[in-house]
Amino acid sequence: MNFYDDRILPVLIDLSMHNKRLRPYRERIAGDAKGCVLEVGVGPGLNLPLYGRKVKRLFGLEPSPRLLARARQKARGLPLAVEFLEGSAEAIRLEDKSIDTVVMTWTLCTIPDAPLALNEIRRVLKPDGELLFVEHGRAPDEGVRWWQDRLTPLWKKIGGGCHLNRPIAKLIEGAGFAIDRLETGYIPGPKPMTFMYTGNAKPR
C-alpha cells in the first residue's frame, strides 16, 4: 500500500463522508437494521451511533486498518458492542445464514469485485434476511453517463477504487436478490457523483 492510500485517502474518505446531505440516508438505513447486523464497509464508523435498539449484535467489516482505527474510536462509549472485522467483502469471515441485516452505505462503488461481494453478502444472510443500501452509481441521463464513464478511470485512482458508473440495482439483482424498495435521484452536487440508489433487498 502506497503513502497516499495508507495515510491520505482515509482522511479524505472520512471528511467526504461527513457531508451533511448524507446524514438522512444514514439515519434511515441504520434505523431500519435489526437483529444480528453486518455493516459492509464500516469506514470511519459514522453509522455506528445511528443503530437502534432493534440491533442485538453488530459486526463492522472494513479493509482499511486506518479507517478501522477511526471506527473503533467512534464505537467507544456506545451502548452496543461492535465486533470489527478487518477484511474484504469478497471473503467475509462469517458463517452461512448467520446475519439478519446487511448494511451498505456508499460501499459497493469501491469493492474491486462487486458481484463476488454481493454473493458473499447473500451467503451470510439468513433466508429471511435483508440487505439495506444507499449507494451512488450509474445515472439515467445519457450526458451524465458519458461523464461518469470518462471520469471513472481517474476517479478510481484518487478515490480508493470508487466507480462512478456502476449500475447498482442491476448488480444487486444479478447477485440473486429481489429488490423490495428502490428510490433513485440526484442530490445537490456534481451529477456524475450524486445519483443515489436507496432501498432494501432480500435473497431470492
Protein backbone atom coordinates (compact mmCIF):
# COMPACT_ATOMS: atom_id res chain seq x y z
CA MET A 1 0.00 0.00 0.00
CA ASN A 2 1.45 3.39 -1.01
CA PHE A 3 1.63 6.53 1.13
CA TYR A 4 -1.44 8.11 -0.48
CA ASP A 5 -3.67 5.06 0.08
CA ASP A 6 -2.36 4.46 3.59
CA ARG A 7 -2.17 7.97 5.02
CA ILE A 8 -4.05 10.49 2.88
CA LEU A 9 -7.01 8.56 1.44
CA PRO A 10 -8.52 7.50 4.81
CA VAL A 11 -8.58 11.15 5.90
CA LEU A 12 -10.21 12.24 2.63
CA ILE A 13 -12.83 9.48 2.91
CA ASP A 14 -13.61 10.48 6.48
CA LEU A 15 -14.01 14.15 5.51
CA SER A 16 -16.14 13.45 2.44
CA MET A 17 -18.47 11.11 4.32
CA HIS A 18 -19.22 13.86 6.85
CA ASN A 19 -21.27 15.63 4.16
CA LYS A 20 -24.43 16.75 5.99
CA ARG A 21 -26.60 15.86 2.97
CA LEU A 22 -25.74 12.19 3.53
CA ARG A 23 -26.89 12.13 7.16
CA PRO A 24 -30.62 11.49 6.47
CA TYR A 25 -29.71 8.49 4.30
CA ARG A 26 -27.54 7.10 7.09
CA GLU A 27 -30.24 7.60 9.70
CA ARG A 28 -32.83 5.82 7.57
CA ILE A 29 -30.67 2.84 6.64
CA ALA A 30 -29.14 2.28 10.10
CA GLY A 31 -32.51 2.89 11.75
CA ASP A 32 -34.10 0.05 9.77
CA ALA A 33 -31.45 -2.51 10.74
CA LYS A 34 -32.38 -5.23 13.21
CA GLY A 35 -31.12 -8.43 14.77
CA CYS A 36 -27.58 -9.53 14.03
CA VAL A 37 -26.19 -6.86 11.70
CA LEU A 38 -23.19 -6.75 9.39
CA GLU A 39 -22.11 -3.35 8.12
CA VAL A 40 -20.01 -3.83 4.99
CA GLY A 41 -17.51 -1.01 4.63
CA VAL A 42 -17.92 0.43 8.12
CA GLY A 43 -15.27 3.02 7.23
CA PRO A 44 -14.66 5.58 10.00
CA GLY A 45 -17.79 4.43 11.84
CA LEU A 46 -20.17 7.27 11.03
CA ASN A 47 -23.21 4.95 11.11
CA LEU A 48 -22.39 3.39 14.47
CA PRO A 49 -24.23 5.91 16.70
CA LEU A 50 -27.33 5.64 14.49
CA TYR A 51 -28.20 1.99 15.12
CA GLY A 52 -31.30 1.49 17.25
CA ARG A 53 -32.38 -0.92 19.94
CA LYS A 54 -33.57 -3.49 17.41
CA VAL A 55 -29.91 -4.31 16.72
CA LYS A 56 -28.74 -7.11 19.02
CA ARG A 57 -25.25 -7.67 17.63
CA LEU A 58 -23.14 -5.68 15.19
CA PHE A 59 -20.19 -6.59 13.01
CA GLY A 60 -18.23 -3.89 11.18
CA LEU A 61 -16.26 -5.07 8.13
CA GLU A 62 -13.56 -2.83 6.67
CA PRO A 63 -10.37 -3.49 4.65
CA SER A 64 -8.54 -0.29 5.72
CA PRO A 65 -6.71 -0.51 9.07
CA ARG A 66 -6.64 3.30 9.31
CA LEU A 67 -10.39 3.60 8.89
CA LEU A 68 -10.95 0.71 11.30
CA ALA A 69 -8.95 2.58 13.93
CA ARG A 70 -11.24 5.58 13.50
CA ALA A 71 -14.30 3.33 13.74
CA ARG A 72 -13.04 1.77 16.98
CA GLN A 73 -12.70 5.25 18.47
CA LYS A 74 -16.25 6.10 17.35
CA ALA A 75 -17.56 2.90 18.97
CA ARG A 76 -16.20 3.76 22.42
CA GLY A 77 -18.99 4.62 24.81
CA LEU A 78 -21.77 3.30 22.61
CA PRO A 79 -24.37 1.08 24.31
CA LEU A 80 -23.96 -1.51 21.55
CA ALA A 81 -20.75 -3.53 21.41
CA VAL A 82 -19.25 -3.76 17.93
CA GLU A 83 -17.05 -6.58 16.67
CA PHE A 84 -14.74 -5.29 13.96
CA LEU A 85 -13.51 -7.48 11.11
CA GLU A 86 -10.54 -6.36 9.04
CA GLY A 87 -11.01 -7.78 5.57
CA SER A 88 -12.68 -7.64 2.21
CA ALA A 89 -16.34 -8.08 1.33
CA GLU A 90 -15.25 -10.61 -1.28
CA ALA A 91 -14.37 -13.06 1.54
CA ILE A 92 -16.50 -12.41 4.62
CA ARG A 93 -15.32 -14.36 7.66
CA LEU A 94 -18.78 -15.19 8.97
CA GLU A 95 -20.87 -18.36 8.85
CA ASP A 96 -23.51 -19.06 6.23
CA LYS A 97 -27.00 -17.72 7.01
CA SER A 98 -25.88 -16.05 10.24
CA ILE A 99 -26.87 -12.42 9.63
CA ASP A 100 -30.30 -10.77 9.82
CA THR A 101 -29.39 -7.45 8.19
CA VAL A 102 -26.53 -6.29 5.99
CA VAL A 103 -25.97 -2.53 5.74
CA MET A 104 -24.05 -0.83 2.94
CA THR A 105 -23.67 2.94 2.69
CA TRP A 106 -21.59 4.18 -0.25
CA THR A 107 -19.56 0.97 -0.27
CA LEU A 108 -20.35 -1.01 -3.42
CA CYS A 109 -18.64 1.57 -5.62
CA THR A 110 -15.19 0.78 -4.21
CA ILE A 111 -15.22 -3.01 -3.91
CA PRO A 112 -12.99 -4.46 -6.67
CA ASP A 113 -15.24 -7.46 -7.41
CA ALA A 114 -18.74 -6.22 -6.63
CA PRO A 115 -20.60 -9.36 -7.88
CA LEU A 116 -18.43 -11.61 -5.72
CA ALA A 117 -19.01 -9.37 -2.68
CA LEU A 118 -22.78 -9.44 -3.23
CA ASN A 119 -22.68 -13.23 -3.47
CA GLU A 120 -20.83 -13.31 -0.15
CA ILE A 121 -23.44 -11.00 1.37
CA ARG A 122 -26.20 -13.31 0.15
CA ARG A 123 -24.30 -16.27 1.62
CA VAL A 124 -24.12 -14.82 5.13
CA LEU A 125 -27.71 -13.51 5.14
CA LYS A 126 -30.46 -15.65 6.61
CA PRO A 127 -33.15 -16.72 4.11
CA ASP A 128 -35.46 -14.05 5.54
CA GLY A 129 -32.63 -11.54 6.00
CA GLU A 130 -32.40 -8.14 4.36
CA LEU A 131 -29.83 -6.01 2.56
CA LEU A 132 -30.22 -2.27 3.24
CA PHE A 133 -28.28 0.02 0.94
CA VAL A 134 -27.61 3.56 -0.17
CA GLU A 135 -25.11 3.89 -2.99
CA HIS A 136 -24.19 6.31 -5.74
CA GLY A 137 -23.93 4.95 -9.25
CA ARG A 138 -24.86 4.97 -12.90
CA ALA A 139 -27.23 7.80 -13.80
CA PRO A 140 -30.23 7.54 -16.17
CA ASP A 141 -29.23 10.58 -18.23
CA GLU A 142 -27.05 9.89 -21.25
CA GLY A 143 -24.98 13.05 -20.84
CA VAL A 144 -24.24 12.29 -17.20
CA ARG A 145 -23.34 8.67 -18.02
CA TRP A 146 -20.91 9.95 -20.67
CA TRP A 147 -19.06 11.89 -17.98
CA GLN A 148 -19.24 9.01 -15.49
CA ASP A 149 -17.63 6.62 -17.95
CA ARG A 150 -14.83 9.04 -18.80
CA LEU A 151 -14.13 10.22 -15.27
CA THR A 152 -14.16 6.79 -13.60
CA PRO A 153 -10.62 5.65 -14.62
CA LEU A 154 -9.06 8.73 -12.98
CA TRP A 155 -11.60 8.83 -10.14
CA LYS A 156 -10.71 5.26 -9.16
CA LYS A 157 -7.08 6.25 -8.71
CA ILE A 158 -7.78 9.18 -6.39
CA GLY A 159 -10.92 7.80 -4.72
CA GLY A 160 -9.79 4.45 -3.38
CA GLY A 161 -11.17 2.44 -6.30
CA CYS A 162 -14.51 4.30 -6.41
CA HIS A 163 -16.52 3.71 -9.60
CA LEU A 164 -18.93 6.46 -10.63
CA ASN A 165 -20.72 4.32 -13.20
CA ARG A 166 -21.76 1.08 -11.52
CA PRO A 167 -25.40 0.05 -12.19
CA ILE A 168 -26.25 -0.58 -8.55
CA ALA A 169 -29.73 -2.08 -8.90
CA LYS A 170 -28.64 -4.34 -11.76
CA LEU A 171 -25.68 -5.61 -9.75
CA ILE A 172 -27.82 -6.39 -6.70
CA GLU A 173 -30.48 -8.21 -8.70
CA GLY A 174 -27.81 -10.07 -10.67
CA ALA A 175 -26.40 -11.48 -7.44
CA GLY A 176 -29.64 -13.25 -6.55
CA PHE A 177 -31.53 -10.54 -4.67
CA ALA A 178 -35.08 -9.32 -5.13
CA ILE A 179 -35.33 -5.57 -4.54
CA ASP A 180 -38.38 -4.76 -2.42
CA ARG A 181 -37.98 -0.99 -2.47
CA LEU A 182 -35.82 1.27 -4.62
CA GLU A 183 -35.62 5.06 -4.66
CA THR A 184 -33.32 6.91 -7.02
CA GLY A 185 -32.44 10.51 -7.73
CA TYR A 186 -29.79 13.19 -7.63
CA ILE A 187 -28.71 15.04 -4.52
CA PRO A 188 -27.13 18.51 -4.80
CA GLY A 189 -23.64 18.39 -6.26
CA PRO A 190 -21.88 17.37 -9.48
CA LYS A 191 -24.26 15.00 -11.25
CA PRO A 192 -21.67 12.32 -12.16
CA MET A 193 -21.06 11.81 -8.42
CA THR A 194 -24.53 12.30 -6.96
CA PHE A 195 -27.06 9.91 -8.46
CA MET A 196 -28.28 7.85 -5.50
CA TYR A 197 -29.83 4.40 -5.15
CA THR A 198 -31.56 3.73 -1.82
CA GLY A 199 -33.51 0.63 -0.92
CA ASN A 200 -33.74 -2.83 0.52
CA ALA A 201 -33.47 -6.28 -1.00
CA LYS A 202 -33.88 -9.88 0.09
CA PRO A 203 -32.24 -13.11 -1.07
CA ARG A 204 -34.30 -14.93 -3.67
